[in-house]
Amino acid sequence: MIVLLFRLLVLIAIIVLIYTAFKYLVNPKRKLEVAQEKKEFFFLDTNDNIKKNFFVTYHGFLFEGEKYLGTTEDSFEVTHIVMHTHNPEKLKGFERKDLYFLEEEILMRYPHAEIEWKHPVNRLHLS
């Protein structure tokens, strides 16, 4: 009886470990961190939740976008996005073509949006 109970507990522990490992591997925030470390492009967003900001990583730089709801001719859409980075001192090597690539990717997802960049990226955009 005790051996059967012990086997059942070991089986439950293995199932919990497999479930935890699976949830860890498919976690979008982990994928964002991995893409940032590998200096790849990754767009983390919850399209159905306007209140949640989205994150973009490109060439190892991490950007955050704040979405604001507005009206278009037909419906309510995201009409304004404010982009900023948490570590502006790490932007060495970021070029204007990178900025244009990010804007294109954002506009593919939010075609009615106007993108505003915060300091220091707005200096690159204006000059």
C-alpha atoms as a PDB file:
ATOM      1  CA  MET A   1       0.000   0.000   0.000  1.00  0.00           C
ATOM      2  CA  ILE A   2       2.776   2.447   0.931  1.00  0.00           C
ATOM      3  CA  VAL A   3       4.743   1.502  -2.189  1.00  0.00           C
ATOM      4  CA  LEU A   4       1.706   2.201  -4.375  1.00  0.00           C
ATOM      5  CA  LEU A   5       1.173   5.587  -2.706  1.00  0.00           C
ATOM      6  CA  PHE A   6       4.860   6.444  -3.157  1.00  0.00           C
ATOM      7  CA  ARG A   7       4.692   5.538  -6.869  1.00  0.00           C
ATOM      8  CA  LEU A   8       1.632   7.739  -7.270  1.00  0.00           C
ATOM      9  CA  LEU A   9       3.424  10.678  -5.618  1.00  0.00           C
ATOM     10  CA  VAL A  10       6.482  10.190  -7.831  1.00  0.00           C
ATOM     11  CA  LEU A  11       4.238  10.109 -10.918  1.00  0.00           C
ATOM     12  CA  ILE A  12       2.497  13.327  -9.836  1.00  0.00           C
ATOM     13  CA  ALA A  13       5.882  14.984  -9.196  1.00  0.00           C
ATOM     14  CA  ILE A  14       7.103  14.007 -12.670  1.00  0.00           C
ATOM     15  CA  ILE A  15       3.938  15.394 -14.277  1.00  0.00           C
ATOM     16  CA  VAL A  16       4.331  18.677 -12.368  1.00  0.00           C
ATOM     17  CA  LEU A  17       7.986  18.934 -13.451  1.00  0.00           C
ATOM     18  CA  ILE A  18       7.114  18.308 -17.099  1.00  0.00           C
ATOM     19  CA  TYR A  19       4.298  20.877 -16.957  1.00  0.00           C
ATOM     20  CA  THR A  20       6.582  23.472 -15.339  1.00  0.00           C
ATOM     21  CA  ALA A  21       9.316  22.887 -17.919  1.00  0.00           C
ATOM     22  CA  PHE A  22       6.804  23.220 -20.753  1.00  0.00           C
ATOM     23  CA  LYS A  23       5.408  26.486 -19.360  1.00  0.00           C
ATOM     24  CA  TYR A  24       8.951  27.821 -18.979  1.00  0.00           C
ATOM     25  CA  LEU A  25       9.880  26.954 -22.562  1.00  0.00           C
ATOM     26  CA  VAL A  26       6.814  28.576 -24.130  1.00  0.00           C
ATOM     27  CA  ASN A  27       6.877  31.698 -21.941  1.00  0.00           C
ATOM     28  CA  PRO A  28       6.896  34.729 -24.279  1.00  0.00           C
ATOM     29  CA  LYS A  29       8.999  36.858 -21.915  1.00  0.00           C
ATOM     30  CA  ARG A  30      11.698  34.199 -21.969  1.00  0.00           C
ATOM     31  CA  LYS A  31      11.558  34.175 -25.768  1.00  0.00           C
ATOM     32  CA  LEU A  32      12.008  37.961 -25.714  1.00  0.00           C
ATOM     33  CA  GLU A  33      15.072  37.654 -23.473  1.00  0.00           C
ATOM     34  CA  VAL A  34      16.563  34.916 -25.658  1.00  0.00           C
ATOM     35  CA  ALA A  35      16.001  36.998 -28.799  1.00  0.00           C
ATOM     36  CA  GLN A  36      17.650  39.980 -27.127  1.00  0.00           C
ATOM     37  CA  GLU A  37      20.671  37.897 -26.142  1.00  0.00           C
ATOM     38  CA  LYS A  38      20.938  36.483 -29.693  1.00  0.00           C
ATOM     39  CA  LYS A  39      20.418  39.997 -31.128  1.00  0.00           C
ATOM     40  CA  GLU A  40      17.413  38.902 -33.158  1.00  0.00           C
ATOM     41  CA  PHE A  41      14.099  40.596 -33.898  1.00  0.00           C
ATOM     42  CA  PHE A  42      11.174  39.656 -31.657  1.00  0.00           C
ATOM     43  CA  PHE A  43       7.829  41.395 -31.156  1.00  0.00           C
ATOM     44  CA  LEU A  44       6.001  40.604 -27.904  1.00  0.00           C
ATOM     45  CA  ASP A  45       2.464  41.939 -27.867  1.00  0.00           C
ATOM     46  CA  THR A  46      -1.016  41.135 -26.684  1.00  0.00           C
ATOM     47  CA  ASN A  47      -3.149  42.483 -29.527  1.00  0.00           C
ATOM     48  CA  ASP A  48      -6.450  42.063 -27.741  1.00  0.00           C
ATOM     49  CA  ASN A  49      -5.357  44.058 -24.667  1.00  0.00           C
ATOM     50  CA  ILE A  50      -4.820  47.751 -25.398  1.00  0.00           C
ATOM     51  CA  LYS A  51      -3.692  48.483 -21.838  1.00  0.00           C
ATOM     52  CA  LYS A  52      -0.657  46.206 -22.097  1.00  0.00           C
ATOM     53  CA  ASN A  53       2.461  47.699 -23.627  1.00  0.00           C
ATOM     54  CA  PHE A  54       4.364  45.774 -26.258  1.00  0.00           C
ATOM     55  CA  PHE A  55       8.074  45.003 -26.342  1.00  0.00           C
ATOM     56  CA  VAL A  56      10.368  44.815 -29.345  1.00  0.00           C
ATOM     57  CA  THR A  57      13.932  43.603 -29.406  1.00  0.00           C
ATOM     58  CA  TYR A  58      16.173  44.215 -32.385  1.00  0.00           C
ATOM     59  CA  HIS A  59      19.970  43.859 -32.632  1.00  0.00           C
ATOM     60  CA  GLY A  60      20.046  43.371 -28.850  1.00  0.00           C
ATOM     61  CA  PHE A  61      18.211  46.631 -28.117  1.00  0.00           C
ATOM     62  CA  LEU A  62      14.965  46.459 -26.132  1.00  0.00           C
ATOM     63  CA  PHE A  63      12.166  48.935 -26.816  1.00  0.00           C
ATOM     64  CA  GLU A  64       8.783  49.362 -25.159  1.00  0.00           C
ATOM     65  CA  GLY A  65       5.731  50.768 -26.900  1.00  0.00           C
ATOM     66  CA  GLU A  66       2.761  52.325 -25.157  1.00  0.00           C
ATOM     67  CA  LYS A  67      -0.469  51.972 -27.120  1.00  0.00           C
ATOM     68  CA  TYR A  68      -3.220  54.585 -27.070  1.00  0.00           C
ATOM     69  CA  LEU A  69      -6.708  53.996 -28.399  1.00  0.00           C
ATOM     70  CA  GLY A  70      -8.291  56.497 -30.748  1.00  0.00           C
ATOM     71  CA  THR A  71     -10.898  56.716 -33.459  1.00  0.00           C
ATOM     72  CA  THR A  72     -10.537  56.182 -37.167  1.00  0.00           C
ATOM     73  CA  GLU A  73     -13.258  56.718 -39.765  1.00  0.00           C
ATOM     74  CA  ASP A  74     -14.804  53.317 -39.100  1.00  0.00           C
ATOM     75  CA  SER A  75     -13.805  52.117 -35.637  1.00  0.00           C
ATOM     76  CA  PHE A  76     -11.696  52.441 -32.528  1.00  0.00           C
ATOM     77  CA  GLU A  77      -8.087  51.484 -33.225  1.00  0.00           C
ATOM     78  CA  VAL A  78      -4.626  52.076 -31.825  1.00  0.00           C
ATOM     79  CA  THR A  79      -3.863  55.524 -33.231  1.00  0.00           C
ATOM     80  CA  HIS A  80      -0.862  56.613 -31.192  1.00  0.00           C
ATOM     81  CA  ILE A  81       2.197  54.698 -30.003  1.00  0.00           C
ATOM     82  CA  VAL A  82       4.951  56.110 -27.814  1.00  0.00           C
ATOM     83  CA  MET A  83       8.217  54.187 -28.103  1.00  0.00           C
ATOM     84  CA  HIS A  84      11.078  54.347 -25.630  1.00  0.00           C
ATOM     85  CA  THR A  85      13.971  52.302 -24.354  1.00  0.00           C
ATOM     86  CA  HIS A  86      14.867  51.566 -20.751  1.00  0.00           C
ATOM     87  CA  ASN A  87      18.619  51.688 -21.414  1.00  0.00           C
ATOM     88  CA  PRO A  88      19.357  54.561 -23.798  1.00  0.00           C
ATOM     89  CA  GLU A  89      23.059  54.381 -22.951  1.00  0.00           C
ATOM     90  CA  LYS A  90      23.231  50.986 -24.680  1.00  0.00           C
ATOM     91  CA  LEU A  91      22.065  52.298 -28.064  1.00  0.00           C
ATOM     92  CA  LYS A  92      25.576  52.476 -29.492  1.00  0.00           C
ATOM     93  CA  GLY A  93      25.452  51.238 -33.079  1.00  0.00           C
ATOM     94  CA  PHE A  94      21.718  51.830 -33.534  1.00  0.00           C
ATOM     95  CA  GLU A  95      21.199  53.355 -36.975  1.00  0.00           C
ATOM     96  CA  ARG A  96      18.439  55.163 -38.814  1.00  0.00           C
ATOM     97  CA  LYS A  97      17.733  52.119 -41.015  1.00  0.00           C
ATOM     98  CA  ASP A  98      17.118  50.101 -37.834  1.00  0.00           C
ATOM     99  CA  LEU A  99      14.631  52.735 -36.733  1.00  0.00           C
ATOM    100  CA  TYR A 100      12.808  52.555 -40.066  1.00  0.00           C
ATOM    101  CA  PHE A 101      12.692  48.757 -39.869  1.00  0.00           C
ATOM    102  CA  LEU A 102      11.097  48.946 -36.415  1.00  0.00           C
ATOM    103  CA  GLU A 103       8.553  51.499 -37.612  1.00  0.00           C
ATOM    104  CA  GLU A 104       7.602  49.268 -40.546  1.00  0.00           C
ATOM    105  CA  GLU A 105       7.110  46.280 -38.249  1.00  0.00           C
ATOM    106  CA  ILE A 106       4.961  48.303 -35.850  1.00  0.00           C
ATOM    107  CA  LEU A 107       2.877  49.779 -38.676  1.00  0.00           C
ATOM    108  CA  MET A 108       2.227  46.277 -40.067  1.00  0.00           C
ATOM    109  CA  ARG A 109       0.548  45.411 -36.771  1.00  0.00           C
ATOM    110  CA  TYR A 110      -1.039  48.824 -36.125  1.00  0.00           C
ATOM    111  CA  PRO A 111      -1.603  50.474 -39.522  1.00  0.00           C
ATOM    112  CA  HIS A 112      -3.517  53.493 -38.158  1.00  0.00           C
ATOM    113  CA  ALA A 113      -0.894  54.383 -35.556  1.00  0.00           C
ATOM    114  CA  GLU A 114       1.302  57.423 -35.391  1.00  0.00           C
ATOM    115  CA  ILE A 115       4.635  56.550 -33.778  1.00  0.00           C
ATOM    116  CA  GLU A 116       6.358  58.944 -31.416  1.00  0.00           C
ATOM    117  CA  TRP A 117       9.893  58.201 -30.238  1.00  0.00           C
ATOM    118  CA  LYS A 118      11.246  59.395 -26.908  1.00  0.00           C
ATOM    119  CA  HIS A 119      14.715  60.782 -26.284  1.00  0.00           C
ATOM    120  CA  PRO A 120      17.390  59.910 -27.528  1.00  0.00           C
ATOM    121  CA  VAL A 121      15.912  57.976 -30.475  1.00  0.00           C
ATOM    122  CA  ASN A 122      13.854  60.970 -31.590  1.00  0.00           C
ATOM    123  CA  ARG A 123      17.114  62.837 -32.283  1.00  0.00           C
ATOM    124  CA  LEU A 124      18.108  60.133 -34.760  1.00  0.00           C
ATOM    125  CA  HIS A 125      14.689  60.272 -36.381  1.00  0.00           C
ATOM    126  CA  LEU A 126      14.676  64.058 -36.763  1.00  0.00           C
ATOM    127  CA  SER A 127      18.239  64.570 -37.990  1.00  0.00           C
END
